[in-house]
Amino acid sequence: ADVTLTIYAVDGKLVRTLALGQQPGGMYQSKSRAAYWDGRNEHNEPVASGLYLYTLTAGDFTATRKMLIIK
């Protein structure tokens, strides 16, 4: 499925969109295969510490979760 990871600030502003392309179904738990965000925004600037939301979309599947960035 075509996979996209979208990161938002808690106020709903878009921080970054990562298009991960076509990926086969399965569990991706190792860093080398998992969806990975480097903590930078669309302007390649590091984001501040705080709470962020991410949405993972893969084909018909969509999940939104919280993550905490601590520096």
N, C-alpha and C. Protein backbone atom coordinates (compact mmCIF):
# COMPACT_ATOMS: atom_id res chain seq x y z
N ALA A 1 0.84 -1.19 0.00
CA ALA A 1 0.00 0.00 0.00
C ALA A 1 0.88 1.25 0.00
N ASP A 2 0.34 2.34 -0.45
CA ASP A 2 1.03 3.62 -0.43
C ASP A 2 0.96 4.17 0.99
N VAL A 3 2.11 4.49 1.59
CA VAL A 3 2.18 4.86 3.00
C VAL A 3 2.61 6.32 3.15
N THR A 4 1.90 7.04 4.04
CA THR A 4 2.22 8.43 4.34
C THR A 4 2.18 8.62 5.85
N LEU A 5 3.17 9.34 6.37
CA LEU A 5 3.21 9.72 7.78
C LEU A 5 3.10 11.23 7.84
N THR A 6 2.07 11.74 8.53
CA THR A 6 1.84 13.18 8.63
C THR A 6 1.92 13.58 10.09
N ILE A 7 2.74 14.59 10.39
CA ILE A 7 2.94 15.04 11.76
C ILE A 7 2.32 16.42 11.93
N TYR A 8 1.58 16.58 13.05
CA TYR A 8 0.90 17.84 13.38
C TYR A 8 1.32 18.31 14.76
N ALA A 9 1.35 19.63 14.95
CA ALA A 9 1.48 20.20 16.29
C ALA A 9 0.13 20.02 16.99
N VAL A 10 0.11 20.15 18.32
CA VAL A 10 -1.15 19.95 19.04
C VAL A 10 -2.21 20.97 18.66
N ASP A 11 -1.82 22.11 18.10
CA ASP A 11 -2.82 23.10 17.66
C ASP A 11 -3.37 22.78 16.27
N GLY A 12 -2.94 21.65 15.70
CA GLY A 12 -3.47 21.21 14.41
C GLY A 12 -2.67 21.66 13.21
N LYS A 13 -1.64 22.47 13.42
CA LYS A 13 -0.82 22.93 12.29
C LYS A 13 0.05 21.80 11.76
N LEU A 14 0.13 21.71 10.44
CA LEU A 14 0.96 20.71 9.80
C LEU A 14 2.43 21.00 10.08
N VAL A 15 3.16 19.98 10.53
CA VAL A 15 4.59 20.11 10.80
C VAL A 15 5.39 19.50 9.65
N ARG A 16 5.01 18.29 9.25
CA ARG A 16 5.76 17.60 8.19
C ARG A 16 4.93 16.46 7.62
N THR A 17 5.10 16.22 6.34
CA THR A 17 4.50 15.07 5.67
C THR A 17 5.62 14.24 5.07
N LEU A 18 5.62 12.95 5.37
CA LEU A 18 6.61 12.03 4.83
C LEU A 18 5.90 11.02 3.95
N ALA A 19 6.19 11.05 2.66
CA ALA A 19 5.64 10.07 1.73
C ALA A 19 6.62 8.90 1.69
N LEU A 20 6.20 7.76 2.18
CA LEU A 20 7.07 6.60 2.30
C LEU A 20 6.93 5.63 1.14
N GLY A 21 6.05 5.95 0.20
CA GLY A 21 5.91 5.14 -1.01
C GLY A 21 5.19 3.83 -0.78
N GLN A 22 5.31 2.94 -1.73
CA GLN A 22 4.67 1.63 -1.66
C GLN A 22 5.44 0.73 -0.69
N GLN A 23 4.72 0.17 0.28
CA GLN A 23 5.30 -0.74 1.26
C GLN A 23 4.41 -1.97 1.37
N PRO A 24 5.00 -3.16 1.43
CA PRO A 24 4.18 -4.36 1.62
C PRO A 24 3.60 -4.38 3.03
N GLY A 25 2.49 -5.05 3.21
CA GLY A 25 1.86 -5.16 4.52
C GLY A 25 2.75 -5.91 5.49
N GLY A 26 2.58 -5.65 6.78
CA GLY A 26 3.35 -6.35 7.79
C GLY A 26 3.70 -5.45 8.96
N MET A 27 4.39 -6.03 9.93
CA MET A 27 4.84 -5.28 11.11
C MET A 27 6.22 -4.71 10.82
N TYR A 28 6.40 -3.44 11.09
CA TYR A 28 7.67 -2.76 10.87
C TYR A 28 8.15 -2.21 12.21
N GLN A 29 8.98 -2.99 12.90
CA GLN A 29 9.40 -2.59 14.25
C GLN A 29 10.86 -2.17 14.33
N SER A 30 11.69 -2.58 13.38
CA SER A 30 13.09 -2.16 13.42
C SER A 30 13.22 -0.78 12.80
N LYS A 31 14.15 0.02 13.31
CA LYS A 31 14.32 1.39 12.83
C LYS A 31 14.63 1.42 11.34
N SER A 32 15.32 0.42 10.83
CA SER A 32 15.69 0.41 9.41
C SER A 32 14.48 0.21 8.49
N ARG A 33 13.38 -0.35 9.00
CA ARG A 33 12.21 -0.60 8.17
C ARG A 33 10.99 0.21 8.58
N ALA A 34 10.99 0.72 9.81
CA ALA A 34 9.82 1.43 10.33
C ALA A 34 9.74 2.84 9.77
N ALA A 35 8.55 3.43 9.87
CA ALA A 35 8.38 4.85 9.53
C ALA A 35 9.21 5.64 10.53
N TYR A 36 10.00 6.59 10.03
CA TYR A 36 10.93 7.32 10.89
C TYR A 36 10.86 8.81 10.58
N TRP A 37 10.75 9.62 11.63
CA TRP A 37 10.74 11.08 11.50
C TRP A 37 11.96 11.62 12.23
N ASP A 38 12.71 12.48 11.59
CA ASP A 38 13.95 13.01 12.16
C ASP A 38 13.75 14.21 13.09
N GLY A 39 12.51 14.57 13.39
CA GLY A 39 12.25 15.67 14.31
C GLY A 39 12.38 17.05 13.70
N ARG A 40 12.31 17.10 12.37
CA ARG A 40 12.43 18.38 11.66
C ARG A 40 11.13 18.70 10.94
N ASN A 41 10.87 20.00 10.75
CA ASN A 41 9.66 20.42 10.06
C ASN A 41 9.89 20.47 8.55
N GLU A 42 8.91 20.98 7.81
CA GLU A 42 8.99 21.04 6.35
C GLU A 42 10.12 21.95 5.86
N HIS A 43 10.62 22.84 6.74
CA HIS A 43 11.72 23.75 6.38
C HIS A 43 13.07 23.23 6.86
N ASN A 44 13.09 21.95 7.27
CA ASN A 44 14.30 21.28 7.75
C ASN A 44 14.84 21.88 9.05
N GLU A 45 13.95 22.51 9.82
CA GLU A 45 14.32 23.09 11.11
C GLU A 45 13.91 22.13 12.22
N PRO A 46 14.73 21.97 13.26
CA PRO A 46 14.34 21.09 14.37
C PRO A 46 13.10 21.65 15.08
N VAL A 47 12.20 20.75 15.45
CA VAL A 47 10.99 21.18 16.16
C VAL A 47 11.29 21.31 17.65
N ALA A 48 10.45 22.04 18.35
CA ALA A 48 10.60 22.23 19.79
C ALA A 48 10.11 21.00 20.54
N SER A 49 10.57 20.86 21.78
CA SER A 49 10.03 19.82 22.65
C SER A 49 8.54 20.04 22.82
N GLY A 50 7.79 18.96 22.93
CA GLY A 50 6.36 19.08 23.14
C GLY A 50 5.60 17.89 22.61
N LEU A 51 4.29 17.99 22.67
CA LEU A 51 3.39 16.93 22.23
C LEU A 51 3.04 17.14 20.76
N TYR A 52 3.12 16.08 19.99
CA TYR A 52 2.78 16.11 18.56
C TYR A 52 1.82 14.96 18.26
N LEU A 53 1.07 15.11 17.21
CA LEU A 53 0.18 14.05 16.73
C LEU A 53 0.71 13.58 15.39
N TYR A 54 0.58 12.29 15.14
CA TYR A 54 0.95 11.78 13.82
C TYR A 54 -0.17 10.91 13.28
N THR A 55 -0.34 10.96 11.97
CA THR A 55 -1.31 10.11 11.29
C THR A 55 -0.55 9.24 10.30
N LEU A 56 -0.71 7.93 10.45
CA LEU A 56 -0.12 6.98 9.53
C LEU A 56 -1.23 6.47 8.62
N THR A 57 -1.05 6.64 7.32
CA THR A 57 -2.03 6.19 6.34
C THR A 57 -1.36 5.17 5.43
N ALA A 58 -2.00 4.01 5.29
CA ALA A 58 -1.50 2.95 4.42
C ALA A 58 -2.70 2.32 3.73
N GLY A 59 -2.91 2.68 2.48
CA GLY A 59 -4.08 2.19 1.76
C GLY A 59 -5.35 2.67 2.45
N ASP A 60 -6.21 1.72 2.85
CA ASP A 60 -7.47 2.05 3.53
C ASP A 60 -7.30 2.24 5.04
N PHE A 61 -6.11 1.95 5.56
CA PHE A 61 -5.84 2.04 7.00
C PHE A 61 -5.37 3.44 7.37
N THR A 62 -5.94 4.00 8.44
CA THR A 62 -5.49 5.28 8.99
C THR A 62 -5.51 5.19 10.51
N ALA A 63 -4.41 5.62 11.14
CA ALA A 63 -4.34 5.66 12.60
C ALA A 63 -3.68 6.97 13.02
N THR A 64 -4.23 7.59 14.05
CA THR A 64 -3.65 8.82 14.60
C THR A 64 -3.28 8.56 16.05
N ARG A 65 -2.06 8.94 16.40
CA ARG A 65 -1.55 8.71 17.76
C ARG A 65 -0.79 9.95 18.22
N LYS A 66 -0.44 9.96 19.52
CA LYS A 66 0.33 11.05 20.11
C LYS A 66 1.79 10.62 20.25
N MET A 67 2.69 11.61 20.21
CA MET A 67 4.09 11.35 20.55
C MET A 67 4.66 12.58 21.25
N LEU A 68 5.63 12.34 22.10
CA LEU A 68 6.24 13.39 22.88
C LEU A 68 7.69 13.54 22.45
N ILE A 69 8.09 14.76 22.13
CA ILE A 69 9.47 15.06 21.79
C ILE A 69 10.09 15.76 23.00
N ILE A 70 11.17 15.19 23.52
CA ILE A 70 11.86 15.77 24.67
C ILE A 70 13.32 15.96 24.28
N LYS A 71 13.79 17.19 24.42
CA LYS A 71 15.20 17.48 24.07
C LYS A 71 15.98 17.86 25.30
